[in-house]
């Protein structure tokens, strides 16, 4: 596991789905927004399942960082 720049990949899709388009001369962004209107049930289930193990993991890492005053992990 890992996340580019700290974001889960579904977050990028959410940004496309909810963004306010300022310019789209080729229509590519509009097409992507249309394709992201429906949230696939399989993706929803995968995000929830991943969070079940990841949430305690992240909290444990934060506690460890807090004990050692490591601000990069808190």
N, C-alpha and C. Protein backbone atom coordinates (compact mmCIF):
# COMPACT_ATOMS: atom_id res chain seq x y z
N UNK A 1 0.82 -1.19 0.00
CA UNK A 1 0.00 0.00 0.00
C UNK A 1 0.86 1.26 0.00
N UNK A 2 0.27 2.29 -0.39
CA UNK A 2 0.91 3.59 -0.41
C UNK A 2 0.06 4.53 -1.24
N UNK A 3 0.27 5.79 -1.06
CA UNK A 3 -0.57 6.76 -1.73
C UNK A 3 0.31 7.85 -2.32
N UNK A 4 0.15 8.11 -3.61
CA UNK A 4 0.94 9.19 -4.21
C UNK A 4 0.58 10.53 -3.55
N UNK A 5 1.56 11.17 -3.03
CA UNK A 5 1.39 12.47 -2.36
C UNK A 5 0.42 12.40 -1.18
N UNK A 6 0.20 11.20 -0.64
CA UNK A 6 -0.68 11.06 0.51
C UNK A 6 -2.16 10.95 0.19
N UNK A 7 -2.52 10.86 -1.06
CA UNK A 7 -3.92 10.77 -1.44
C UNK A 7 -4.25 9.39 -1.98
N UNK A 8 -5.40 8.88 -1.63
CA UNK A 8 -5.88 7.63 -2.22
C UNK A 8 -6.27 7.91 -3.67
N UNK A 9 -6.06 6.96 -4.55
CA UNK A 9 -6.36 7.19 -5.97
C UNK A 9 -7.83 7.53 -6.21
N UNK A 10 -8.82 7.00 -5.45
CA UNK A 10 -10.20 7.44 -5.68
C UNK A 10 -10.42 8.92 -5.41
N UNK A 11 -9.54 9.55 -4.65
CA UNK A 11 -9.68 10.98 -4.38
C UNK A 11 -9.54 11.79 -5.66
N UNK A 12 -8.67 11.34 -6.55
CA UNK A 12 -8.50 12.06 -7.82
C UNK A 12 -9.78 12.00 -8.65
N UNK A 13 -10.43 10.85 -8.64
CA UNK A 13 -11.69 10.71 -9.37
C UNK A 13 -12.75 11.62 -8.76
N UNK A 14 -12.76 11.70 -7.44
CA UNK A 14 -13.70 12.59 -6.76
C UNK A 14 -13.47 14.04 -7.11
N UNK A 15 -12.22 14.43 -7.23
CA UNK A 15 -11.91 15.80 -7.63
C UNK A 15 -12.45 16.10 -9.02
N UNK A 16 -12.30 15.15 -9.92
CA UNK A 16 -12.83 15.34 -11.28
C UNK A 16 -14.35 15.43 -11.24
N UNK A 17 -14.98 14.57 -10.46
CA UNK A 17 -16.44 14.54 -10.41
C UNK A 17 -17.03 15.82 -9.84
N UNK A 18 -16.33 16.45 -8.89
CA UNK A 18 -16.89 17.60 -8.19
C UNK A 18 -16.31 18.95 -8.59
N UNK A 19 -15.33 18.93 -9.48
CA UNK A 19 -14.66 20.19 -9.82
C UNK A 19 -15.57 21.15 -10.59
N UNK A 20 -15.20 22.41 -10.56
CA UNK A 20 -15.85 23.41 -11.38
C UNK A 20 -14.92 23.66 -12.57
N UNK A 21 -15.39 23.30 -13.73
CA UNK A 21 -14.55 23.41 -14.93
C UNK A 21 -14.44 24.88 -15.33
N UNK A 22 -13.22 25.36 -15.43
CA UNK A 22 -12.97 26.74 -15.85
C UNK A 22 -12.64 26.82 -17.34
N UNK A 23 -12.03 25.78 -17.86
CA UNK A 23 -11.71 25.73 -19.29
C UNK A 23 -11.58 24.27 -19.70
N UNK A 24 -12.17 23.94 -20.83
CA UNK A 24 -12.11 22.57 -21.34
C UNK A 24 -12.28 22.61 -22.86
N UNK A 25 -11.31 23.16 -23.57
CA UNK A 25 -11.47 23.35 -25.01
C UNK A 25 -11.67 22.06 -25.80
N UNK A 26 -11.15 20.94 -25.31
CA UNK A 26 -11.30 19.69 -26.07
C UNK A 26 -12.48 18.85 -25.60
N UNK A 27 -13.08 19.21 -24.46
CA UNK A 27 -14.20 18.44 -23.93
C UNK A 27 -13.77 17.21 -23.14
N UNK A 28 -12.47 17.02 -22.99
CA UNK A 28 -11.97 15.83 -22.30
C UNK A 28 -12.38 15.81 -20.82
N UNK A 29 -12.27 16.94 -20.15
CA UNK A 29 -12.63 17.00 -18.74
C UNK A 29 -14.13 16.79 -18.54
N UNK A 30 -14.93 17.36 -19.41
CA UNK A 30 -16.37 17.18 -19.33
C UNK A 30 -16.73 15.71 -19.49
N UNK A 31 -16.08 15.03 -20.40
CA UNK A 31 -16.32 13.59 -20.60
C UNK A 31 -15.92 12.80 -19.35
N UNK A 32 -14.80 13.16 -18.75
CA UNK A 32 -14.37 12.48 -17.52
C UNK A 32 -15.36 12.73 -16.38
N UNK A 33 -15.85 13.94 -16.27
CA UNK A 33 -16.83 14.25 -15.22
C UNK A 33 -18.09 13.43 -15.41
N UNK A 34 -18.54 13.29 -16.64
CA UNK A 34 -19.72 12.48 -16.92
C UNK A 34 -19.49 11.03 -16.51
N UNK A 35 -18.31 10.52 -16.80
CA UNK A 35 -17.99 9.13 -16.49
C UNK A 35 -17.86 8.88 -14.99
N UNK A 36 -17.66 9.92 -14.20
CA UNK A 36 -17.47 9.74 -12.75
C UNK A 36 -18.71 10.05 -11.94
N UNK A 37 -19.83 10.23 -12.58
CA UNK A 37 -21.07 10.55 -11.84
C UNK A 37 -21.49 9.40 -10.92
N UNK A 38 -21.41 8.18 -11.41
CA UNK A 38 -21.81 7.02 -10.61
C UNK A 38 -20.60 6.49 -9.84
N UNK A 39 -20.80 6.19 -8.57
CA UNK A 39 -19.73 5.64 -7.73
C UNK A 39 -19.88 4.12 -7.76
N UNK A 40 -18.96 3.42 -8.40
CA UNK A 40 -19.11 1.97 -8.55
C UNK A 40 -19.18 1.26 -7.19
N UNK A 41 -20.14 0.36 -7.02
CA UNK A 41 -20.25 -0.37 -5.75
C UNK A 41 -18.97 -1.11 -5.37
N UNK A 42 -18.27 -1.67 -6.35
CA UNK A 42 -17.03 -2.40 -6.05
C UNK A 42 -15.96 -1.46 -5.49
N UNK A 43 -15.89 -0.24 -6.02
CA UNK A 43 -14.92 0.74 -5.51
C UNK A 43 -15.30 1.15 -4.09
N UNK A 44 -16.57 1.39 -3.87
CA UNK A 44 -17.05 1.75 -2.53
C UNK A 44 -16.65 0.67 -1.52
N UNK A 45 -16.91 -0.59 -1.86
CA UNK A 45 -16.58 -1.70 -0.96
C UNK A 45 -15.08 -1.79 -0.73
N UNK A 46 -14.29 -1.59 -1.77
CA UNK A 46 -12.83 -1.68 -1.64
C UNK A 46 -12.29 -0.56 -0.76
N UNK A 47 -12.82 0.64 -0.89
CA UNK A 47 -12.36 1.77 -0.07
C UNK A 47 -12.68 1.51 1.40
N UNK A 48 -13.89 1.03 1.67
CA UNK A 48 -14.29 0.73 3.05
C UNK A 48 -13.42 -0.38 3.62
N UNK A 49 -13.23 -1.44 2.86
CA UNK A 49 -12.42 -2.57 3.34
C UNK A 49 -10.98 -2.14 3.62
N UNK A 50 -10.42 -1.32 2.75
CA UNK A 50 -9.06 -0.84 2.95
C UNK A 50 -8.96 0.02 4.21
N UNK A 51 -9.97 0.83 4.46
CA UNK A 51 -9.95 1.71 5.63
C UNK A 51 -10.00 0.91 6.93
N UNK A 52 -10.57 -0.29 6.89
CA UNK A 52 -10.67 -1.10 8.12
C UNK A 52 -9.31 -1.48 8.67
N UNK A 53 -8.34 -1.74 7.82
CA UNK A 53 -7.00 -2.05 8.34
C UNK A 53 -6.15 -0.79 8.40
N UNK A 54 -6.39 0.14 7.49
CA UNK A 54 -5.50 1.29 7.39
C UNK A 54 -5.71 2.30 8.51
N UNK A 55 -6.94 2.49 8.95
CA UNK A 55 -7.20 3.48 10.01
C UNK A 55 -6.41 3.16 11.28
N UNK A 56 -6.48 1.94 11.80
CA UNK A 56 -5.67 1.63 13.00
C UNK A 56 -4.16 1.75 12.75
N UNK A 57 -3.73 1.41 11.54
CA UNK A 57 -2.31 1.51 11.19
C UNK A 57 -1.84 2.96 11.24
N UNK A 58 -2.62 3.86 10.66
CA UNK A 58 -2.26 5.28 10.64
C UNK A 58 -2.27 5.86 12.06
N UNK A 59 -3.26 5.46 12.86
CA UNK A 59 -3.31 5.93 14.25
C UNK A 59 -2.10 5.45 15.05
N UNK A 60 -1.70 4.20 14.84
CA UNK A 60 -0.52 3.67 15.53
C UNK A 60 0.74 4.44 15.12
N UNK A 61 0.86 4.74 13.84
CA UNK A 61 2.01 5.51 13.37
C UNK A 61 2.02 6.91 13.98
N UNK A 62 0.84 7.52 14.10
CA UNK A 62 0.75 8.85 14.69
C UNK A 62 1.14 8.82 16.17
N UNK A 63 0.68 7.78 16.88
CA UNK A 63 1.05 7.67 18.29
C UNK A 63 2.56 7.51 18.45
N UNK A 64 3.15 6.68 17.62
CA UNK A 64 4.59 6.46 17.68
C UNK A 64 5.34 7.77 17.41
N UNK A 65 4.91 8.50 16.39
CA UNK A 65 5.55 9.78 16.08
C UNK A 65 5.37 10.80 17.19
N UNK A 66 4.18 10.80 17.81
CA UNK A 66 3.92 11.76 18.88
C UNK A 66 4.82 11.49 20.08
N UNK A 67 5.01 10.21 20.41
CA UNK A 67 5.88 9.87 21.55
C UNK A 67 7.31 10.35 21.35
N UNK A 68 7.78 10.31 20.10
CA UNK A 68 9.16 10.71 19.84
C UNK A 68 9.27 12.13 19.29
N UNK A 69 8.15 12.87 19.31
CA UNK A 69 8.09 14.25 18.81
C UNK A 69 8.51 14.34 17.34
N UNK A 70 8.19 13.31 16.57
CA UNK A 70 8.50 13.29 15.14
C UNK A 70 7.32 13.91 14.39
N UNK A 71 7.41 15.18 14.09
CA UNK A 71 6.29 15.90 13.48
C UNK A 71 5.98 15.46 12.06
N UNK A 72 6.87 14.73 11.42
CA UNK A 72 6.59 14.24 10.06
C UNK A 72 5.51 13.18 10.06
N UNK A 73 5.31 12.49 11.18
CA UNK A 73 4.34 11.41 11.25
C UNK A 73 3.11 11.76 12.07
N UNK A 74 3.03 12.96 12.56
CA UNK A 74 1.88 13.34 13.39
C UNK A 74 1.02 14.32 12.65
